[in-house]
C-alpha atoms as a PDB file:
ATOM      1  CA  MET A   1       7.264 -12.826  43.737  1.00  0.00           C
ATOM      2  CA  ASP A   2       5.558  -9.672  42.629  1.00  0.00           C
ATOM      3  CA  THR A   3       2.838  -9.840  40.058  1.00  0.00           C
ATOM      4  CA  ALA A   4       4.941  -7.185  38.245  1.00  0.00           C
ATOM      5  CA  ASP A   5       7.721  -9.555  37.348  1.00  0.00           C
ATOM      6  CA  HIS A   6       5.327 -11.438  35.270  1.00  0.00           C
ATOM      7  CA  ILE A   7       4.264  -8.309  32.941  1.00  0.00           C
ATOM      8  CA  SER A   8       6.162  -7.822  30.034  1.00  0.00           C
ATOM      9  CA  PRO A   9       7.387  -4.199  29.225  1.00  0.00           C
ATOM     10  CA  PHE A  10       5.570  -2.491  25.920  1.00  0.00           C
ATOM     11  CA  VAL A  11       7.799  -2.844  22.849  1.00  0.00           C
ATOM     12  CA  PRO A  12       6.617  -0.584  20.217  1.00  0.00           C
ATOM     13  CA  ALA A  13       6.543  -3.185  17.137  1.00  0.00           C
ATOM     14  CA  ALA A  14       5.305  -2.134  14.085  1.00  0.00           C
ATOM     15  CA  GLY A  15       3.093  -3.672  11.407  1.00  0.00           C
ATOM     16  CA  VAL A  16       3.907  -3.038   7.874  1.00  0.00           C
ATOM     17  CA  ASP A  17       1.937  -3.912   4.703  1.00  0.00           C
ATOM     18  CA  GLU A  18       1.715  -2.561   1.043  1.00  0.00           C
ATOM     19  CA  ALA A  19      -1.217  -2.376  -1.013  1.00  0.00           C
ATOM     20  CA  GLY A  20      -0.930  -1.610  -5.146  1.00  0.00           C
ATOM     21  CA  ARG A  21       1.422  -4.111  -6.588  1.00  0.00           C
ATOM     22  CA  GLY A  22      -0.617  -5.910  -8.972  1.00  0.00           C
ATOM     23  CA  PRO A  23      -2.486  -2.758 -10.805  1.00  0.00           C
ATOM     24  CA  LEU A  24      -1.665  -1.182 -13.924  1.00  0.00           C
ATOM     25  CA  VAL A  25      -1.297   2.266 -12.423  1.00  0.00           C
ATOM     26  CA  GLY A  26      -0.640   4.767  -9.867  1.00  0.00           C
ATOM     27  CA  SER A  27       1.448   4.504  -7.251  1.00  0.00           C
ATOM     28  CA  VAL A  28       2.304   1.419  -4.169  1.00  0.00           C
ATOM     29  CA  PHE A  29       1.469   2.106  -0.926  1.00  0.00           C
ATOM     30  CA  ALA A  30       3.075   0.842   1.968  1.00  0.00           C
ATOM     31  CA  ALA A  31       1.719   1.765   5.737  1.00  0.00           C
ATOM     32  CA  ALA A  32       3.339   0.949   9.371  1.00  0.00           C
ATOM     33  CA  VAL A  33       1.170   0.919  12.201  1.00  0.00           C
ATOM     34  CA  ILE A  34       2.446   0.831  16.148  1.00  0.00           C
ATOM     35  CA  LEU A  35      -0.706  -0.234  18.182  1.00  0.00           C
ATOM     36  CA  PRO A  36      -1.158   0.234  21.796  1.00  0.00           C
ATOM     37  CA  PRO A  37      -1.242  -2.827  24.037  1.00  0.00           C
ATOM     38  CA  VAL A  38      -5.043  -2.317  24.632  1.00  0.00           C
ATOM     39  CA  TYR A  39      -7.034  -1.200  21.804  1.00  0.00           C
ATOM     40  CA  ASP A  40     -10.521  -1.540  20.139  1.00  0.00           C
ATOM     41  CA  LEU A  41     -11.127  -2.283  16.581  1.00  0.00           C
ATOM     42  CA  PRO A  42     -13.611  -4.676  16.195  1.00  0.00           C
ATOM     43  CA  GLY A  43     -13.162  -6.755  13.062  1.00  0.00           C
ATOM     44  CA  LEU A  44      -9.735  -5.771  12.408  1.00  0.00           C
ATOM     45  CA  THR A  45      -8.276  -8.469   9.515  1.00  0.00           C
ATOM     46  CA  ASP A  46      -6.623  -8.322   6.359  1.00  0.00           C
ATOM     47  CA  SER A  47      -8.000  -5.397   4.131  1.00  0.00           C
ATOM     48  CA  LYS A  48      -8.856  -7.933   1.545  1.00  0.00           C
ATOM     49  CA  LYS A  49     -11.432  -9.560   3.431  1.00  0.00           C
ATOM     50  CA  LEU A  50     -13.380  -6.537   4.276  1.00  0.00           C
ATOM     51  CA  SER A  51     -15.435  -4.502   2.720  1.00  0.00           C
ATOM     52  CA  GLU A  52     -14.687  -1.188   1.608  1.00  0.00           C
ATOM     53  CA  LYS A  53     -17.178   0.790   4.227  1.00  0.00           C
ATOM     54  CA  LYS A  54     -15.857  -1.083   6.772  1.00  0.00           C
ATOM     55  CA  ARG A  55     -11.881  -0.206   5.821  1.00  0.00           C
ATOM     56  CA  ASP A  56     -12.597   3.140   5.901  1.00  0.00           C
ATOM     57  CA  ILE A  57     -14.475   2.811   9.177  1.00  0.00           C
ATOM     58  CA  LEU A  58     -11.508   1.089  10.628  1.00  0.00           C
ATOM     59  CA  ALA A  59      -8.795   3.468   8.763  1.00  0.00           C
ATOM     60  CA  VAL A  60     -10.447   6.509  10.924  1.00  0.00           C
ATOM     61  CA  GLN A  61     -10.293   4.498  13.775  1.00  0.00           C
ATOM     62  CA  ILE A  62      -6.757   3.260  13.813  1.00  0.00           C
ATOM     63  CA  LYS A  63      -5.558   6.713  13.206  1.00  0.00           C
ATOM     64  CA  GLN A  64      -6.935   7.754  16.135  1.00  0.00           C
ATOM     65  CA  GLN A  65      -5.916   4.640  18.705  1.00  0.00           C
ATOM     66  CA  ALA A  66      -2.456   3.803  16.876  1.00  0.00           C
ATOM     67  CA  VAL A  67       0.678   4.933  19.040  1.00  0.00           C
ATOM     68  CA  ALA A  68       2.310   5.924  15.755  1.00  0.00           C
ATOM     69  CA  TRP A  69       1.324   5.170  11.765  1.00  0.00           C
ATOM     70  CA  CYS A  70       2.337   6.214   8.676  1.00  0.00           C
ATOM     71  CA  VAL A  71       1.776   5.717   5.200  1.00  0.00           C
ATOM     72  CA  ALA A  72       4.166   6.167   2.085  1.00  0.00           C
ATOM     73  CA  GLN A  73       4.439   5.601  -1.302  1.00  0.00           C
ATOM     74  CA  ALA A  74       6.559   4.940  -4.118  1.00  0.00           C
ATOM     75  CA  ASP A  75       5.433   6.471  -7.632  1.00  0.00           C
ATOM     76  CA  VAL A  76       4.940   5.408 -11.291  1.00  0.00           C
ATOM     77  CA  GLU A  77       8.832   6.495 -12.237  1.00  0.00           C
ATOM     78  CA  GLU A  78      10.357   4.719  -9.360  1.00  0.00           C
ATOM     79  CA  ILE A  79       8.346   1.682 -10.285  1.00  0.00           C
ATOM     80  CA  ALA A  80       9.544   2.063 -13.921  1.00  0.00           C
ATOM     81  CA  ARG A  81      13.151   2.734 -12.559  1.00  0.00           C
ATOM     82  CA  LEU A  82      13.045   0.008  -9.577  1.00  0.00           C
ATOM     83  CA  ASN A  83      10.728  -2.849 -10.635  1.00  0.00           C
ATOM     84  CA  ILE A  84       7.656  -3.118  -8.645  1.00  0.00           C
ATOM     85  CA  LEU A  85       9.448  -5.378  -6.356  1.00  0.00           C
ATOM     86  CA  HIS A  86      11.877  -2.659  -4.965  1.00  0.00           C
ATOM     87  CA  ALA A  87       9.377  -0.156  -5.361  1.00  0.00           C
ATOM     88  CA  THR A  88       7.478  -1.658  -2.830  1.00  0.00           C
ATOM     89  CA  LEU A  89      10.185  -2.517  -0.942  1.00  0.00           C
ATOM     90  CA  LEU A  90      10.929   1.515  -0.755  1.00  0.00           C
ATOM     91  CA  ALA A  91       7.886   2.255   0.335  1.00  0.00           C
ATOM     92  CA  MET A  92       7.805   0.230   3.047  1.00  0.00           C
ATOM     93  CA  ARG A  93      11.167   1.361   4.314  1.00  0.00           C
ATOM     94  CA  ARG A  94       9.323   4.906   3.992  1.00  0.00           C
ATOM     95  CA  ALA A  95       6.695   4.066   6.189  1.00  0.00           C
ATOM     96  CA  VAL A  96       8.686   2.668   8.892  1.00  0.00           C
ATOM     97  CA  ALA A  97      11.022   6.005   9.049  1.00  0.00           C
ATOM     98  CA  GLY A  98       7.753   8.102   9.310  1.00  0.00           C
ATOM     99  CA  LEU A  99       7.246   6.490  12.440  1.00  0.00           C
ATOM    100  CA  GLY A 100       9.797   8.681  13.581  1.00  0.00           C
ATOM    101  CA  GLY A 101      12.006   6.553  15.124  1.00  0.00           C
ATOM    102  CA  GLN A 102       9.341   4.925  17.413  1.00  0.00           C
ATOM    103  CA  ALA A 103       9.184   1.342  16.365  1.00  0.00           C
ATOM    104  CA  GLN A 104      12.054  -0.739  18.125  1.00  0.00           C
ATOM    105  CA  TYR A 105      11.250  -3.996  15.602  1.00  0.00           C
ATOM    106  CA  ALA A 106       8.845  -4.500  12.591  1.00  0.00           C
ATOM    107  CA  TRP A 107       6.769  -7.331  11.182  1.00  0.00           C
ATOM    108  CA  ILE A 108       6.642  -7.344   7.470  1.00  0.00           C
ATOM    109  CA  ASP A 109       3.866  -8.862   5.388  1.00  0.00           C
ATOM    110  CA  GLY A 110       5.357 -11.621   3.056  1.00  0.00           C
ATOM    111  CA  ASN A 111       8.612 -12.964   2.783  1.00  0.00           C
ATOM    112  CA  ARG A 112      10.899 -10.167   1.759  1.00  0.00           C
ATOM    113  CA  ILE A 113      12.454  -7.578   4.479  1.00  0.00           C
ATOM    114  CA  PRO A 114      13.090  -4.458   3.021  1.00  0.00           C
ATOM    115  CA  PRO A 115      17.074  -3.188   2.804  1.00  0.00           C
ATOM    116  CA  ASP A 116      18.322  -0.761   5.262  1.00  0.00           C
ATOM    117  CA  LEU A 117      15.168  -0.750   7.591  1.00  0.00           C
ATOM    118  CA  GLY A 118      17.224   0.510  10.653  1.00  0.00           C
ATOM    119  CA  ILE A 119      15.433  -1.563  13.108  1.00  0.00           C
ATOM    120  CA  PRO A 120      15.017  -5.311  13.511  1.00  0.00           C
ATOM    121  CA  ALA A 121      12.140  -7.126  11.644  1.00  0.00           C
ATOM    122  CA  GLN A 122      10.525 -10.582  10.625  1.00  0.00           C
ATOM    123  CA  ALA A 123       8.896 -11.294   7.663  1.00  0.00           C
ATOM    124  CA  VAL A 124       5.283 -12.805   7.962  1.00  0.00           C
ATOM    125  CA  VAL A 125       3.569 -14.863   5.236  1.00  0.00           C
ATOM    126  CA  GLN A 126       0.178 -13.656   5.838  1.00  0.00           C
ATOM    127  CA  GLY A 127       0.815 -11.800   8.617  1.00  0.00           C
ATOM    128  CA  ASP A 128      -2.293  -9.131   7.642  1.00  0.00           C
ATOM    129  CA  ARG A 129      -4.192 -12.104   8.955  1.00  0.00           C
ATOM    130  CA  THR A 130      -2.706 -13.236  12.000  1.00  0.00           C
ATOM    131  CA  ILE A 131      -0.389 -10.088  13.166  1.00  0.00           C
ATOM    132  CA  PRO A 132      -3.190  -7.119  14.138  1.00  0.00           C
ATOM    133  CA  ALA A 133      -0.571  -4.367  13.620  1.00  0.00           C
ATOM    134  CA  VAL A 134      -0.094  -5.822  10.181  1.00  0.00           C
ATOM    135  CA  SER A 135      -3.879  -6.156   9.618  1.00  0.00           C
ATOM    136  CA  ALA A 136      -4.248  -2.424  10.463  1.00  0.00           C
ATOM    137  CA  ALA A 137      -1.337  -1.307   8.529  1.00  0.00           C
ATOM    138  CA  SER A 138      -2.975  -3.226   5.466  1.00  0.00           C
ATOM    139  CA  VAL A 139      -6.090  -1.245   5.936  1.00  0.00           C
ATOM    140  CA  LEU A 140      -4.150   1.942   5.950  1.00  0.00           C
ATOM    141  CA  ALA A 141      -2.264   1.283   2.704  1.00  0.00           C
ATOM    142  CA  LYS A 142      -5.267  -0.016   0.877  1.00  0.00           C
ATOM    143  CA  THR A 143      -7.610   2.654   1.762  1.00  0.00           C
ATOM    144  CA  ALA A 144      -4.648   5.600   0.632  1.00  0.00           C
ATOM    145  CA  ARG A 145      -4.408   3.400  -2.333  1.00  0.00           C
ATOM    146  CA  ASP A 146      -8.132   3.452  -3.151  1.00  0.00           C
ATOM    147  CA  ALA A 147      -7.940   7.015  -2.338  1.00  0.00           C
ATOM    148  CA  GLN A 148      -5.650   7.623  -5.323  1.00  0.00           C
ATOM    149  CA  MET A 149      -7.850   5.886  -7.502  1.00  0.00           C
ATOM    150  CA  TYR A 150     -10.798   7.946  -6.657  1.00  0.00           C
ATOM    151  CA  ALA A 151      -8.776  11.174  -7.083  1.00  0.00           C
ATOM    152  CA  LEU A 152      -7.656   9.688 -10.388  1.00  0.00           C
ATOM    153  CA  ALA A 153     -11.135   8.879 -11.482  1.00  0.00           C
ATOM    154  CA  GLU A 154     -11.944  12.368 -11.339  1.00  0.00           C
ATOM    155  CA  ARG A 155      -9.488  13.725 -13.679  1.00  0.00           C
ATOM    156  CA  PHE A 156      -9.830  10.744 -16.397  1.00  0.00           C
ATOM    157  CA  PRO A 157     -13.930   9.410 -15.693  1.00  0.00           C
ATOM    158  CA  GLN A 158     -13.227   7.080 -18.901  1.00  0.00           C
ATOM    159  CA  TYR A 159     -11.271   4.652 -17.505  1.00  0.00           C
ATOM    160  CA  GLY A 160     -13.195   3.559 -14.708  1.00  0.00           C
ATOM    161  CA  PHE A 161     -10.791   3.881 -12.087  1.00  0.00           C
ATOM    162  CA  ASP A 162     -12.915   4.369  -9.138  1.00  0.00           C
ATOM    163  CA  LYS A 163     -14.638   0.716 -10.378  1.00  0.00           C
ATOM    164  CA  HIS A 164     -11.627  -1.502 -11.132  1.00  0.00           C
ATOM    165  CA  LYS A 165      -8.757   0.757  -8.822  1.00  0.00           C
ATOM    166  CA  GLY A 166      -6.217  -0.272 -11.523  1.00  0.00           C
ATOM    167  CA  TYR A 167      -6.737  -3.619 -12.098  1.00  0.00           C
ATOM    168  CA  GLY A 168      -6.164  -4.934 -15.529  1.00  0.00           C
ATOM    169  CA  THR A 169      -9.836  -5.630 -15.876  1.00  0.00           C
ATOM    170  CA  ALA A 170     -11.540  -6.081 -18.841  1.00  0.00           C
ATOM    171  CA  GLN A 171     -13.121  -2.244 -18.529  1.00  0.00           C
ATOM    172  CA  HIS A 172      -9.435  -1.090 -18.056  1.00  0.00           C
ATOM    173  CA  LEU A 173      -7.818  -2.769 -20.683  1.00  0.00           C
ATOM    174  CA  ALA A 174     -10.722  -1.811 -23.048  1.00  0.00           C
ATOM    175  CA  ALA A 175     -10.036   1.753 -21.729  1.00  0.00           C
ATOM    176  CA  LEU A 176      -6.398   1.486 -22.334  1.00  0.00           C
ATOM    177  CA  ARG A 177      -7.072   0.143 -26.077  1.00  0.00           C
ATOM    178  CA  ARG A 178      -9.479   3.038 -26.700  1.00  0.00           C
ATOM    179  CA  TYR A 179      -7.796   6.115 -25.028  1.00  0.00           C
ATOM    180  CA  GLY A 180      -4.351   5.554 -24.467  1.00  0.00           C
ATOM    181  CA  ALA A 181      -2.267   5.224 -21.606  1.00  0.00           C
ATOM    182  CA  LEU A 182      -1.944   8.283 -19.094  1.00  0.00           C
ATOM    183  CA  PRO A 183       1.286   9.234 -17.209  1.00  0.00           C
ATOM    184  CA  GLU A 184      -0.085   7.705 -14.326  1.00  0.00           C
ATOM    185  CA  HIS A 185       0.054   4.208 -16.055  1.00  0.00           C
ATOM    186  CA  ARG A 186       2.707   1.746 -15.221  1.00  0.00           C
ATOM    187  CA  CYS A 187       5.106   1.789 -18.635  1.00  0.00           C
ATOM    188  CA  GLY A 188       6.776  -1.492 -17.886  1.00  0.00           C
ATOM    189  CA  PHE A 189       3.847  -3.549 -16.903  1.00  0.00           C
ATOM    190  CA  ALA A 190       2.990  -5.802 -20.062  1.00  0.00           C
ATOM    191  CA  PRO A 191      -0.644  -4.226 -21.537  1.00  0.00           C
ATOM    192  CA  VAL A 192       0.267  -0.622 -20.644  1.00  0.00           C
ATOM    193  CA  ARG A 193       4.077  -1.331 -22.918  1.00  0.00           C
ATOM    194  CA  THR A 194       1.718  -2.897 -25.698  1.00  0.00           C
ATOM    195  CA  VAL A 195      -0.460   0.642 -26.192  1.00  0.00           C
ATOM    196  CA  LEU A 196       2.504   2.927 -25.899  1.00  0.00           C
ATOM    197  CA  ALA A 197       4.691   0.608 -28.543  1.00  0.00           C
ATOM    198  CA  GLN A 198       1.657   1.403 -30.977  1.00  0.00           C
ATOM    199  CA  GLY A 199       2.436   5.247 -30.745  1.00  0.00           C
ATOM    200  CA  ARG A 200       4.731   6.161 -28.174  1.00  0.00           C
ATOM    201  CA  LEU A 201       2.376   8.993 -26.913  1.00  0.00           C
ATOM    202  CA  PHE A 202       0.390   9.237 -23.929  1.00  0.00           C
ATOM    203  CA  ALA A 203      -3.198   9.816 -24.014  1.00  0.00           C
ATOM    204  CA  ASP A 204      -2.618  13.854 -22.883  1.00  0.00           C
ATOM    205  CA  GLY A 205      -0.071  13.716 -26.053  1.00  0.00           C
ATOM    206  CA  THR A 206       2.869  14.134 -24.202  1.00  0.00           C
ATOM    207  CA  GLU A 207       5.940  11.586 -25.345  1.00  0.00           C
ATOM    208  CA  ALA A 208       6.324   8.517 -23.161  1.00  0.00           C
ATOM    209  CA  VAL A 209      10.009   7.871 -22.236  1.00  0.00           C
END
């Protein structure tokens, strides 16, 4: 038998992961990445296990080496309207769609497959630790989410978004109580809802809907 008979054809499969489900502010992000059969991404693993510096380095390398990649998001209005779970699934679906039809299969980190994905998919719990393409997606989603927080920190330094990345830390909750909520805060999340219930105004003076 010819040796070539033992070589499986490359099937472009996308790894998909999200970042930013838990924070009180900003969009939820998702990324989809198709890695080539051979790549050089030393240290690639779940983004949560990497330092910020290492994530930033890997993000550049992933974008350079990937067959295709896309980062998408669902904003605070969509989170309020759909809830955080369905907004996350929406962001994932957008990320896969952003690959332009190049993916024939998808590995989804977690236990839920986004509806209407358009391609066969498998949900893999802790896939960001075991499937390199999902790890790569976790890195791109996390770095994009952090970039949004840094941009928000430049506009509103008093909230400390560059430090806590929007999570409900003591520093963030204290800033919420002192300065009020921003339009970028997630109105349906309990700490933000509590602050808004006291006055129904955002920190910039606009009315909360």
